[in-house]
Amino acid sequence: MSAKVWIVVQHREGHLHRMSREAIAGGQQLASLLGGTAEAVVLGHGVGPVAEELGGYDLAAVHVADAEALADYTPGGYVGVLAAALKDHAPTHVVLAHSYQNIEYMARLAQAVGGSLLPEATGFETDEEGVVWRRPVLGGKLQARVRAVGPAPLLVSFQSGVFGGSDAATGNAPRVELDASAAAPDREILGVEEVAGEHVDLSAAEIVVAVGRGIGDGDKLKIIEALAESLGAEIGASRPVIDNGWLPRDRQIGSSGQTIAPKLYIAIGISGAIQHLVGMKGASTVVAVNKDAEAPIFGVADYGIVGDLHEIVPALTEAIREAKAAAG
């Protein structure tokens, strides 16, 4: 039986979630590796714009479950529709982004269809026995190579940043209506509130300037703020900076913080512990500044600068400002 990969997308206010674009890219690559097809699935109410956007990807089909009972996400609503659809259409793999919403219901869905579960995958390859998956263990300190041995379908969630959303192949996918009559919402949504305070979603930033304990003290962050301002970047940090109270918790990057995939990541005074690296490994370009030439961060950096960050960062900021001024 050839592989059939279903990609269940997440959306909000008529737009695909960033991580869903990454899941599409991953699902397409998985289908190609297995010689099968990739298809998208979208659930909700009034999801025409999302379905239209999905139609622009290289997919065999876009399955759409549009019903008032799915207007708000609930685990019961999603599991009811998806379980029935998976039994009817029998995909071999179901791919999702490893988001808070998806991990809430995917184990319940796997149980409902008698399938297998593999959360937070970071990659895959094939050997003579089939697909070998990679996923973090011990809080991201190690990467395990595992093989799924349970029954199909296999439900897989991909960690943020593993695939680039811009890498998803485009095409012209037909829309197919999906029966939504099995939707059974199991909670009433009273409202949705944004996180209060100065919370920042670093995963949405194209440029991130991250600082580590090498800065020395919290009162020395002004040079980091100036560099970020010159680049139009967000500021992130490694765990020691957060634990010392120099920056708020929502700025933490790593296995116990946010996982990001910016176009440009500048690591300043960060040694490069594995717990931090798992949070930024999806960055397209990495620049590292550290006085220790043997720091692990240089092993993943595209460009490295060895020296005193207190001298290098102000000079870099001034050079960026001058270049912008010259460009008009």
C-alpha atoms as a PDB file:
ATOM      1  CA  MET A   1       0.000   0.000   0.000  1.00  0.00           C
ATOM      2  CA  SER A   2       1.410   3.384  -0.988  1.00  0.00           C
ATOM      3  CA  ALA A   3       1.734   6.058   1.630  1.00  0.00           C
ATOM      4  CA  LYS A   4      -1.000   8.635   2.066  1.00  0.00           C
ATOM      5  CA  VAL A   5       0.042  11.547   4.277  1.00  0.00           C
ATOM      6  CA  TRP A   6      -2.643  13.767   5.775  1.00  0.00           C
ATOM      7  CA  ILE A   7      -1.562  17.151   7.139  1.00  0.00           C
ATOM      8  CA  VAL A   8      -4.012  18.600   9.663  1.00  0.00           C
ATOM      9  CA  VAL A   9      -3.540  22.362   9.684  1.00  0.00           C
ATOM     10  CA  GLN A  10      -4.155  24.898  12.422  1.00  0.00           C
ATOM     11  CA  HIS A  11      -5.525  28.350  11.687  1.00  0.00           C
ATOM     12  CA  ARG A  12      -6.888  31.471  13.316  1.00  0.00           C
ATOM     13  CA  GLU A  13      -8.921  34.386  11.992  1.00  0.00           C
ATOM     14  CA  GLY A  14      -8.723  33.118   8.426  1.00  0.00           C
ATOM     15  CA  HIS A  15      -4.968  32.588   8.329  1.00  0.00           C
ATOM     16  CA  LEU A  16      -2.793  29.498   8.536  1.00  0.00           C
ATOM     17  CA  HIS A  17      -0.667  29.121  11.636  1.00  0.00           C
ATOM     18  CA  ARG A  18       3.023  29.566  10.806  1.00  0.00           C
ATOM     19  CA  MET A  19       3.812  26.098  12.093  1.00  0.00           C
ATOM     20  CA  SER A  20       1.156  24.612   9.816  1.00  0.00           C
ATOM     21  CA  ARG A  21       3.102  25.822   6.785  1.00  0.00           C
ATOM     22  CA  GLU A  22       6.115  24.040   8.243  1.00  0.00           C
ATOM     23  CA  ALA A  23       3.992  20.907   8.719  1.00  0.00           C
ATOM     24  CA  ILE A  24       2.940  21.096   5.064  1.00  0.00           C
ATOM     25  CA  ALA A  25       6.588  21.205   3.994  1.00  0.00           C
ATOM     26  CA  GLY A  26       7.370  18.252   6.255  1.00  0.00           C
ATOM     27  CA  GLY A  27       4.362  16.267   5.083  1.00  0.00           C
ATOM     28  CA  GLN A  28       5.258  16.860   1.446  1.00  0.00           C
ATOM     29  CA  GLN A  29       8.822  15.666   2.050  1.00  0.00           C
ATOM     30  CA  LEU A  30       7.594  12.589   3.915  1.00  0.00           C
ATOM     31  CA  ALA A  31       5.167  11.702   1.110  1.00  0.00           C
ATOM     32  CA  SER A  32       7.889  12.164  -1.483  1.00  0.00           C
ATOM     33  CA  LEU A  33      10.315   9.969   0.469  1.00  0.00           C
ATOM     34  CA  LEU A  34       7.699   7.213   0.748  1.00  0.00           C
ATOM     35  CA  GLY A  35       6.512   7.526  -2.840  1.00  0.00           C
ATOM     36  CA  GLY A  36       3.011   8.574  -1.785  1.00  0.00           C
ATOM     37  CA  THR A  37       0.733  11.594  -1.748  1.00  0.00           C
ATOM     38  CA  ALA A  38       0.243  14.501   0.646  1.00  0.00           C
ATOM     39  CA  GLU A  39      -3.196  15.911   1.430  1.00  0.00           C
ATOM     40  CA  ALA A  40      -4.286  18.724   3.757  1.00  0.00           C
ATOM     41  CA  VAL A  41      -7.178  18.755   6.214  1.00  0.00           C
ATOM     42  CA  VAL A  42      -8.786  21.890   7.655  1.00  0.00           C
ATOM     43  CA  LEU A  43     -11.572  22.014  10.239  1.00  0.00           C
ATOM     44  CA  GLY A  44     -13.631  25.014  11.314  1.00  0.00           C
ATOM     45  CA  HIS A  45     -16.512  27.240  10.299  1.00  0.00           C
ATOM     46  CA  GLY A  46     -16.221  29.732   7.458  1.00  0.00           C
ATOM     47  CA  VAL A  47     -12.801  28.367   6.528  1.00  0.00           C
ATOM     48  CA  GLY A  48     -13.075  29.243   2.839  1.00  0.00           C
ATOM     49  CA  PRO A  49     -10.052  31.613   2.889  1.00  0.00           C
ATOM     50  CA  VAL A  50      -7.880  29.002   4.597  1.00  0.00           C
ATOM     51  CA  ALA A  51      -8.995  26.302   2.156  1.00  0.00           C
ATOM     52  CA  GLU A  52      -8.241  28.651  -0.736  1.00  0.00           C
ATOM     53  CA  GLU A  53      -4.749  29.280   0.620  1.00  0.00           C
ATOM     54  CA  LEU A  54      -4.166  25.549   0.993  1.00  0.00           C
ATOM     55  CA  GLY A  55      -5.270  25.095  -2.609  1.00  0.00           C
ATOM     56  CA  GLY A  56      -2.105  26.893  -3.658  1.00  0.00           C
ATOM     57  CA  TYR A  57       0.128  24.124  -2.336  1.00  0.00           C
ATOM     58  CA  ASP A  58       1.297  20.970  -4.101  1.00  0.00           C
ATOM     59  CA  LEU A  59      -1.231  18.624  -2.500  1.00  0.00           C
ATOM     60  CA  ALA A  60      -3.376  15.809  -3.862  1.00  0.00           C
ATOM     61  CA  ALA A  61      -6.423  17.234  -2.087  1.00  0.00           C
ATOM     62  CA  VAL A  62      -7.619  19.719   0.506  1.00  0.00           C
ATOM     63  CA  HIS A  63     -10.211  18.085   2.767  1.00  0.00           C
ATOM     64  CA  VAL A  64     -12.532  20.674   4.307  1.00  0.00           C
ATOM     65  CA  ALA A  65     -14.826  20.075   7.289  1.00  0.00           C
ATOM     66  CA  ASP A  66     -16.883  23.262   7.624  1.00  0.00           C
ATOM     67  CA  ALA A  67     -19.588  23.255  10.294  1.00  0.00           C
ATOM     68  CA  GLU A  68     -20.944  25.539  12.983  1.00  0.00           C
ATOM     69  CA  ALA A  69     -20.031  22.898  15.598  1.00  0.00           C
ATOM     70  CA  LEU A  70     -16.394  23.484  14.614  1.00  0.00           C
ATOM     71  CA  ALA A  71     -16.519  27.281  14.848  1.00  0.00           C
ATOM     72  CA  ASP A  72     -14.426  27.070  18.028  1.00  0.00           C
ATOM     73  CA  TYR A  73     -11.701  24.497  18.515  1.00  0.00           C
ATOM     74  CA  THR A  74     -12.537  21.797  21.049  1.00  0.00           C
ATOM     75  CA  PRO A  75     -10.827  18.415  21.415  1.00  0.00           C
ATOM     76  CA  GLY A  76     -14.161  16.600  21.141  1.00  0.00           C
ATOM     77  CA  GLY A  77     -15.138  18.420  17.971  1.00  0.00           C
ATOM     78  CA  TYR A  78     -11.827  17.746  16.256  1.00  0.00           C
ATOM     79  CA  VAL A  79     -11.511  14.132  17.399  1.00  0.00           C
ATOM     80  CA  GLY A  80     -15.077  13.332  16.357  1.00  0.00           C
ATOM     81  CA  VAL A  81     -14.606  14.551  12.790  1.00  0.00           C
ATOM     82  CA  LEU A  82     -11.028  13.381  12.321  1.00  0.00           C
ATOM     83  CA  ALA A  83     -11.583   9.894  13.756  1.00  0.00           C
ATOM     84  CA  ALA A  84     -14.447   9.267  11.336  1.00  0.00           C
ATOM     85  CA  ALA A  85     -12.457  10.678   8.414  1.00  0.00           C
ATOM     86  CA  LEU A  86      -9.346   8.646   9.200  1.00  0.00           C
ATOM     87  CA  LYS A  87     -11.366   5.439   9.326  1.00  0.00           C
ATOM     88  CA  ASP A  88     -13.063   6.253   6.009  1.00  0.00           C
ATOM     89  CA  HIS A  89     -10.010   7.430   4.046  1.00  0.00           C
ATOM     90  CA  ALA A  90      -7.282   5.344   5.745  1.00  0.00           C
ATOM     91  CA  PRO A  91      -4.207   7.588   5.481  1.00  0.00           C
ATOM     92  CA  THR A  92      -0.997   5.908   6.574  1.00  0.00           C
ATOM     93  CA  HIS A  93       0.394   9.021   8.294  1.00  0.00           C
ATOM     94  CA  VAL A  94      -1.168  12.062   9.939  1.00  0.00           C
ATOM     95  CA  VAL A  95       1.136  15.062  10.321  1.00  0.00           C
ATOM     96  CA  LEU A  96       0.534  17.992  12.665  1.00  0.00           C
ATOM     97  CA  ALA A  97       2.549  20.900  14.008  1.00  0.00           C
ATOM     98  CA  HIS A  98       3.723  20.374  17.589  1.00  0.00           C
ATOM     99  CA  SER A  99       1.593  23.214  18.953  1.00  0.00           C
ATOM    100  CA  TYR A 100      -0.274  23.462  22.256  1.00  0.00           C
ATOM    101  CA  GLN A 101      -3.597  22.944  20.493  1.00  0.00           C
ATOM    102  CA  ASN A 102      -2.554  19.876  18.543  1.00  0.00           C
ATOM    103  CA  ILE A 103      -0.814  18.052  21.370  1.00  0.00           C
ATOM    104  CA  GLU A 104      -3.952  18.472  23.468  1.00  0.00           C
ATOM    105  CA  TYR A 105      -5.991  16.137  21.285  1.00  0.00           C
ATOM    106  CA  MET A 106      -3.638  14.040  19.134  1.00  0.00           C
ATOM    107  CA  ALA A 107      -3.139  11.282  21.737  1.00  0.00           C
ATOM    108  CA  ARG A 108      -6.902  11.018  22.149  1.00  0.00           C
ATOM    109  CA  LEU A 109      -7.274  10.846  18.372  1.00  0.00           C
ATOM    110  CA  ALA A 110      -4.659   8.095  18.083  1.00  0.00           C
ATOM    111  CA  GLN A 111      -6.550   6.100  20.695  1.00  0.00           C
ATOM    112  CA  ALA A 112      -9.878   6.675  18.938  1.00  0.00           C
ATOM    113  CA  VAL A 113      -8.618   5.220  15.651  1.00  0.00           C
ATOM    114  CA  GLY A 114      -6.351   2.544  17.141  1.00  0.00           C
ATOM    115  CA  GLY A 115      -3.306   4.211  15.624  1.00  0.00           C
ATOM    116  CA  SER A 116       0.235   5.015  16.751  1.00  0.00           C
ATOM    117  CA  LEU A 117       1.675   8.214  18.192  1.00  0.00           C
ATOM    118  CA  LEU A 118       5.040   9.907  17.707  1.00  0.00           C
ATOM    119  CA  PRO A 119       5.171  13.434  19.170  1.00  0.00           C
ATOM    120  CA  GLU A 120       7.753  16.156  18.573  1.00  0.00           C
ATOM    121  CA  ALA A 121       9.670  14.636  15.676  1.00  0.00           C
ATOM    122  CA  THR A 122      12.706  16.558  14.489  1.00  0.00           C
ATOM    123  CA  GLY A 123      13.433  14.631  11.315  1.00  0.00           C
ATOM    124  CA  PHE A 124      13.168  11.349   9.444  1.00  0.00           C
ATOM    125  CA  GLU A 125      15.001   9.099   7.012  1.00  0.00           C
ATOM    126  CA  THR A 126      14.546   5.634   5.571  1.00  0.00           C
ATOM    127  CA  ASP A 127      16.531   2.436   5.752  1.00  0.00           C
ATOM    128  CA  GLU A 128      15.884  -1.117   4.554  1.00  0.00           C
ATOM    129  CA  GLU A 129      13.240  -1.591   7.264  1.00  0.00           C
ATOM    130  CA  GLY A 130      11.299   1.626   6.744  1.00  0.00           C
ATOM    131  CA  VAL A 131      11.209   5.095   8.300  1.00  0.00           C
ATOM    132  CA  VAL A 132      13.535   6.061  11.140  1.00  0.00           C
ATOM    133  CA  TRP A 133      12.428   9.119  13.098  1.00  0.00           C
ATOM    134  CA  ARG A 134      14.411  11.524  15.265  1.00  0.00           C
ATOM    135  CA  ARG A 135      12.989  13.147  18.376  1.00  0.00           C
ATOM    136  CA  PRO A 136      14.448  14.835  21.484  1.00  0.00           C
ATOM    137  CA  VAL A 137      14.812  13.004  24.787  1.00  0.00           C
ATOM    138  CA  LEU A 138      16.030  14.059  28.244  1.00  0.00           C
ATOM    139  CA  GLY A 139      14.744  17.591  27.807  1.00  0.00           C
ATOM    140  CA  GLY A 140      16.409  17.992  24.444  1.00  0.00           C
ATOM    141  CA  LYS A 141      19.873  16.976  25.642  1.00  0.00           C
ATOM    142  CA  LEU A 142      19.903  14.020  23.242  1.00  0.00           C
ATOM    143  CA  GLN A 143      18.269  13.089  19.954  1.00  0.00           C
ATOM    144  CA  ALA A 144      16.890   9.544  19.769  1.00  0.00           C
ATOM    145  CA  ARG A 145      16.455   7.535  16.575  1.00  0.00           C
ATOM    146  CA  VAL A 146      13.212   5.574  16.811  1.00  0.00           C
ATOM    147  CA  ARG A 147      11.021   3.367  14.657  1.00  0.00           C
ATOM    148  CA  ALA A 148       7.226   3.320  14.897  1.00  0.00           C
ATOM    149  CA  VAL A 149       6.094  -0.275  15.380  1.00  0.00           C
ATOM    150  CA  GLY A 150       2.376   0.222  16.089  1.00  0.00           C
ATOM    151  CA  PRO A 151      -0.552   0.097  13.676  1.00  0.00           C
ATOM    152  CA  ALA A 152      -1.459   2.749  11.108  1.00  0.00           C
ATOM    153  CA  PRO A 153      -2.240   5.530  10.990  1.00  0.00           C
ATOM    154  CA  LEU A 154       0.861   6.991  12.614  1.00  0.00           C
ATOM    155  CA  LEU A 155       0.176  10.430  14.108  1.00  0.00           C
ATOM    156  CA  VAL A 156       3.323  12.580  14.038  1.00  0.00           C
ATOM    157  CA  SER A 157       3.854  16.125  15.295  1.00  0.00           C
ATOM    158  CA  PHE A 158       6.818  18.101  13.949  1.00  0.00           C
ATOM    159  CA  GLN A 159       8.745  20.394  16.246  1.00  0.00           C
ATOM    160  CA  SER A 160       8.729  24.069  15.314  1.00  0.00           C
ATOM    161  CA  GLY A 161      11.551  25.076  12.998  1.00  0.00           C
ATOM    162  CA  VAL A 162      12.364  21.602  11.707  1.00  0.00           C
ATOM    163  CA  PHE A 163      11.043  22.564   8.259  1.00  0.00           C
ATOM    164  CA  GLY A 164      10.826  25.993   6.677  1.00  0.00           C
ATOM    165  CA  GLY A 165       7.324  27.135   5.828  1.00  0.00           C
ATOM    166  CA  SER A 166       8.688  28.783   2.701  1.00  0.00           C
ATOM    167  CA  ASP A 167       9.991  25.380   1.554  1.00  0.00           C
ATOM    168  CA  ALA A 168       6.472  24.009   1.048  1.00  0.00           C
ATOM    169  CA  ALA A 169       5.966  23.254  -2.650  1.00  0.00           C
ATOM    170  CA  THR A 170       3.230  25.192  -4.414  1.00  0.00           C
ATOM    171  CA  GLY A 171       0.689  23.804  -6.839  1.00  0.00           C
ATOM    172  CA  ASN A 172      -3.038  23.551  -7.430  1.00  0.00           C
ATOM    173  CA  ALA A 173      -4.911  21.306  -4.997  1.00  0.00           C
ATOM    174  CA  PRO A 174      -8.592  20.401  -5.418  1.00  0.00           C
ATOM    175  CA  ARG A 175     -11.030  20.943  -2.563  1.00  0.00           C
ATOM    176  CA  VAL A 176     -12.902  17.921  -1.179  1.00  0.00           C
ATOM    177  CA  GLU A 177     -15.733  18.275   1.329  1.00  0.00           C
ATOM    178  CA  LEU A 178     -15.354  16.252   4.512  1.00  0.00           C
ATOM    179  CA  ASP A 179     -18.297  14.997   6.565  1.00  0.00           C
ATOM    180  CA  ALA A 180     -18.469  17.055   9.774  1.00  0.00           C
ATOM    181  CA  SER A 181     -21.571  15.448  11.254  1.00  0.00           C
ATOM    182  CA  ALA A 182     -19.532  13.601  13.906  1.00  0.00           C
ATOM    183  CA  ALA A 183     -18.325  16.850  15.483  1.00  0.00           C
ATOM    184  CA  ALA A 184     -19.120  16.676  19.195  1.00  0.00           C
ATOM    185  CA  PRO A 185     -17.831  19.789  21.012  1.00  0.00           C
ATOM    186  CA  ASP A 186     -16.987  18.878  24.595  1.00  0.00           C
ATOM    187  CA  ARG A 187     -16.541  22.351  26.032  1.00  0.00           C
ATOM    188  CA  GLU A 188     -18.047  25.806  25.697  1.00  0.00           C
ATOM    189  CA  ILE A 189     -15.643  28.558  24.671  1.00  0.00           C
ATOM    190  CA  LEU A 190     -16.527  31.657  26.694  1.00  0.00           C
ATOM    191  CA  GLY A 191     -13.882  33.845  25.094  1.00  0.00           C
ATOM    192  CA  VAL A 192     -10.293  34.117  23.962  1.00  0.00           C
ATOM    193  CA  GLU A 193      -7.922  36.517  25.709  1.00  0.00           C
ATOM    194  CA  GLU A 194      -4.478  37.599  24.662  1.00  0.00           C
ATOM    195  CA  VAL A 195      -1.728  37.031  27.224  1.00  0.00           C
ATOM    196  CA  ALA A 196      -1.493  40.105  29.415  1.00  0.00           C
ATOM    197  CA  GLY A 197       1.623  42.183  29.847  1.00  0.00           C
ATOM    198  CA  GLU A 198       4.616  42.394  27.568  1.00  0.00           C
ATOM    199  CA  HIS A 199       4.464  38.834  26.258  1.00  0.00           C
ATOM    200  CA  VAL A 200       6.255  38.436  22.933  1.00  0.00           C
ATOM    201  CA  ASP A 201       5.984  35.634  20.395  1.00  0.00           C
ATOM    202  CA  LEU A 202       9.584  35.187  19.293  1.00  0.00           C
ATOM    203  CA  SER A 203       8.528  32.472  16.852  1.00  0.00           C
ATOM    204  CA  ALA A 204       6.995  35.182  14.650  1.00  0.00           C
ATOM    205  CA  ALA A 205      10.179  37.300  14.492  1.00  0.00           C
ATOM    206  CA  GLU A 206      12.316  37.260  11.341  1.00  0.00           C
ATOM    207  CA  ILE A 207      15.371  38.584  13.200  1.00  0.00           C
ATOM    208  CA  VAL A 208      16.292  37.688  16.776  1.00  0.00           C
ATOM    209  CA  VAL A 209      19.205  39.038  18.794  1.00  0.00           C
ATOM    210  CA  ALA A 210      19.789  36.635  21.685  1.00  0.00           C
ATOM    211  CA  VAL A 211      21.959  37.301  24.705  1.00  0.00           C
ATOM    212  CA  GLY A 212      23.597  34.930  27.160  1.00  0.00           C
ATOM    213  CA  ARG A 213      25.329  35.123  30.499  1.00  0.00           C
ATOM    214  CA  GLY A 214      28.411  36.464  28.725  1.00  0.00           C
ATOM    215  CA  ILE A 215      26.808  39.917  28.903  1.00  0.00           C
ATOM    216  CA  GLY A 216      27.938  39.966  32.534  1.00  0.00           C
ATOM    217  CA  ASP A 217      25.014  41.754  34.167  1.00  0.00           C
ATOM    218  CA  GLY A 218      21.512  42.971  33.453  1.00  0.00           C
ATOM    219  CA  ASP A 219      22.532  46.634  33.461  1.00  0.00           C
ATOM    220  CA  LYS A 220      24.706  45.975  30.409  1.00  0.00           C
ATOM    221  CA  LEU A 221      21.803  45.037  28.130  1.00  0.00           C
ATOM    222  CA  LYS A 222      21.579  48.497  26.578  1.00  0.00           C
ATOM    223  CA  ILE A 223      24.058  47.572  23.848  1.00  0.00           C
ATOM    224  CA  ILE A 224      21.897  44.554  22.981  1.00  0.00           C
ATOM    225  CA  GLU A 225      18.778  46.729  22.859  1.00  0.00           C
ATOM    226  CA  ALA A 226      20.559  49.182  20.556  1.00  0.00           C
ATOM    227  CA  LEU A 227      21.620  46.419  18.176  1.00  0.00           C
ATOM    228  CA  ALA A 228      18.118  44.963  18.101  1.00  0.00           C
ATOM    229  CA  GLU A 229      16.642  48.409  17.430  1.00  0.00           C
ATOM    230  CA  SER A 230      19.034  48.996  14.522  1.00  0.00           C
ATOM    231  CA  LEU A 231      17.981  45.683  12.950  1.00  0.00           C
ATOM    232  CA  GLY A 232      14.282  45.851  13.777  1.00  0.00           C
ATOM    233  CA  ALA A 233      14.794  42.633  15.750  1.00  0.00           C
ATOM    234  CA  GLU A 234      13.285  41.006  18.827  1.00  0.00           C
ATOM    235  CA  ILE A 235      15.472  40.222  21.833  1.00  0.00           C
ATOM    236  CA  GLY A 236      15.778  36.668  23.114  1.00  0.00           C
ATOM    237  CA  ALA A 237      17.918  35.060  25.778  1.00  0.00           C
ATOM    238  CA  SER A 238      19.404  31.847  27.086  1.00  0.00           C
ATOM    239  CA  ARG A 239      18.152  30.413  30.372  1.00  0.00           C
ATOM    240  CA  PRO A 240      20.855  31.911  32.676  1.00  0.00           C
ATOM    241  CA  VAL A 241      19.784  35.421  31.648  1.00  0.00           C
ATOM    242  CA  ILE A 242      16.178  34.591  32.526  1.00  0.00           C
ATOM    243  CA  ASP A 243      17.058  32.850  35.791  1.00  0.00           C
ATOM    244  CA  ASN A 244      19.035  35.919  36.863  1.00  0.00           C
ATOM    245  CA  GLY A 245      16.017  38.111  36.173  1.00  0.00           C
ATOM    246  CA  TRP A 246      17.727  40.223  33.540  1.00  0.00           C
ATOM    247  CA  LEU A 247      14.925  39.598  31.016  1.00  0.00           C
ATOM    248  CA  PRO A 248      11.359  38.254  31.417  1.00  0.00           C
ATOM    249  CA  ARG A 249      10.580  34.554  31.015  1.00  0.00           C
ATOM    250  CA  ASP A 250       8.830  34.992  27.653  1.00  0.00           C
ATOM    251  CA  ARG A 251      12.194  35.924  26.095  1.00  0.00           C
ATOM    252  CA  GLN A 252      13.740  32.518  26.806  1.00  0.00           C
ATOM    253  CA  ILE A 253      14.810  30.360  23.871  1.00  0.00           C
ATOM    254  CA  GLY A 254      15.500  26.663  24.248  1.00  0.00           C
ATOM    255  CA  SER A 255      14.066  23.366  25.413  1.00  0.00           C
ATOM    256  CA  SER A 256      12.323  25.041  28.365  1.00  0.00           C
ATOM    257  CA  GLY A 257      11.465  28.199  26.429  1.00  0.00           C
ATOM    258  CA  GLN A 258      10.401  29.109  22.913  1.00  0.00           C
ATOM    259  CA  THR A 259      11.412  27.279  19.747  1.00  0.00           C
ATOM    260  CA  ILE A 260      12.048  29.676  16.883  1.00  0.00           C
ATOM    261  CA  ALA A 261      13.106  29.697  13.236  1.00  0.00           C
ATOM    262  CA  PRO A 262      14.044  33.273  12.259  1.00  0.00           C
ATOM    263  CA  LYS A 263      15.788  34.268   9.055  1.00  0.00           C
ATOM    264  CA  LEU A 264      18.653  35.743  11.117  1.00  0.00           C
ATOM    265  CA  TYR A 265      19.727  34.738  14.622  1.00  0.00           C
ATOM    266  CA  ILE A 266      22.521  36.617  16.381  1.00  0.00           C
ATOM    267  CA  ALA A 267      23.809  34.841  19.499  1.00  0.00           C
ATOM    268  CA  ILE A 268      25.784  37.170  21.762  1.00  0.00           C
ATOM    269  CA  GLY A 269      27.623  35.830  24.777  1.00  0.00           C
ATOM    270  CA  ILE A 270      25.867  32.460  24.439  1.00  0.00           C
ATOM    271  CA  SER A 271      28.059  29.386  24.821  1.00  0.00           C
ATOM    272  CA  GLY A 272      25.666  27.071  22.985  1.00  0.00           C
ATOM    273  CA  ALA A 273      24.444  24.438  25.447  1.00  0.00           C
ATOM    274  CA  ILE A 274      22.286  21.770  23.779  1.00  0.00           C
ATOM    275  CA  GLN A 275      19.208  22.973  25.701  1.00  0.00           C
ATOM    276  CA  HIS A 276      19.545  26.328  23.964  1.00  0.00           C
ATOM    277  CA  LEU A 277      20.464  24.965  20.546  1.00  0.00           C
ATOM    278  CA  VAL A 278      17.273  22.916  20.246  1.00  0.00           C
ATOM    279  CA  GLY A 279      15.313  26.164  20.473  1.00  0.00           C
ATOM    280  CA  MET A 280      17.045  27.974  17.607  1.00  0.00           C
ATOM    281  CA  LYS A 281      18.321  25.254  15.276  1.00  0.00           C
ATOM    282  CA  GLY A 282      15.701  26.193  12.689  1.00  0.00           C
ATOM    283  CA  ALA A 283      17.304  29.615  12.083  1.00  0.00           C
ATOM    284  CA  SER A 284      18.279  30.207   8.454  1.00  0.00           C
ATOM    285  CA  THR A 285      21.455  32.165   9.277  1.00  0.00           C
ATOM    286  CA  VAL A 286      23.270  32.146  12.622  1.00  0.00           C
ATOM    287  CA  VAL A 287      25.847  34.729  13.700  1.00  0.00           C
ATOM    288  CA  ALA A 288      27.727  34.108  16.961  1.00  0.00           C
ATOM    289  CA  VAL A 289      29.749  36.541  19.071  1.00  0.00           C
ATOM    290  CA  ASN A 290      31.760  35.001  21.909  1.00  0.00           C
ATOM    291  CA  LYS A 291      35.191  35.511  23.427  1.00  0.00           C
ATOM    292  CA  ASP A 292      35.699  31.739  23.729  1.00  0.00           C
ATOM    293  CA  ALA A 293      36.813  30.380  20.367  1.00  0.00           C
ATOM    294  CA  GLU A 294      35.926  26.857  21.543  1.00  0.00           C
ATOM    295  CA  ALA A 295      32.322  27.701  22.462  1.00  0.00           C
ATOM    296  CA  PRO A 296      29.860  25.119  21.037  1.00  0.00           C
ATOM    297  CA  ILE A 297      27.787  27.895  19.451  1.00  0.00           C
ATOM    298  CA  PHE A 298      30.457  28.257  16.765  1.00  0.00           C
ATOM    299  CA  GLY A 299      29.728  24.686  15.695  1.00  0.00           C
ATOM    300  CA  VAL A 300      26.287  25.719  14.427  1.00  0.00           C
ATOM    301  CA  ALA A 301      27.092  29.301  13.390  1.00  0.00           C
ATOM    302  CA  ASP A 302      27.315  30.399   9.762  1.00  0.00           C
ATOM    303  CA  TYR A 303      29.440  33.371  10.839  1.00  0.00           C
ATOM    304  CA  GLY A 304      31.478  33.672  14.022  1.00  0.00           C
ATOM    305  CA  ILE A 305      33.192  36.587  15.715  1.00  0.00           C
ATOM    306  CA  VAL A 306      35.654  35.833  18.500  1.00  0.00           C
ATOM    307  CA  GLY A 307      36.169  38.753  20.844  1.00  0.00           C
ATOM    308  CA  ASP A 308      34.771  40.983  23.568  1.00  0.00           C
ATOM    309  CA  LEU A 309      31.059  41.497  22.948  1.00  0.00           C
ATOM    310  CA  HIS A 310      31.177  44.850  24.738  1.00  0.00           C
ATOM    311  CA  GLU A 311      33.454  46.122  21.959  1.00  0.00           C
ATOM    312  CA  ILE A 312      32.026  44.166  19.032  1.00  0.00           C
ATOM    313  CA  VAL A 313      28.299  44.822  19.544  1.00  0.00           C
ATOM    314  CA  PRO A 314      28.507  48.664  19.626  1.00  0.00           C
ATOM    315  CA  ALA A 315      30.747  48.607  16.549  1.00  0.00           C
ATOM    316  CA  LEU A 316      28.307  46.294  14.760  1.00  0.00           C
ATOM    317  CA  THR A 317      25.374  48.532  15.679  1.00  0.00           C
ATOM    318  CA  GLU A 318      27.165  51.625  14.363  1.00  0.00           C
ATOM    319  CA  ALA A 319      28.063  49.835  11.114  1.00  0.00           C
ATOM    320  CA  ILE A 320      24.429  48.823  10.583  1.00  0.00           C
ATOM    321  CA  ARG A 321      23.204  52.361  11.209  1.00  0.00           C
ATOM    322  CA  GLU A 322      25.742  53.791   8.791  1.00  0.00           C
ATOM    323  CA  ALA A 323      24.812  51.255   6.125  1.00  0.00           C
ATOM    324  CA  LYS A 324      21.114  52.095   6.504  1.00  0.00           C
ATOM    325  CA  ALA A 325      21.833  55.809   6.315  1.00  0.00           C
ATOM    326  CA  ALA A 326      23.905  55.343   3.164  1.00  0.00           C
ATOM    327  CA  ALA A 327      21.134  53.303   1.573  1.00  0.00           C
ATOM    328  CA  GLY A 328      18.677  56.109   2.253  1.00  0.00           C
END
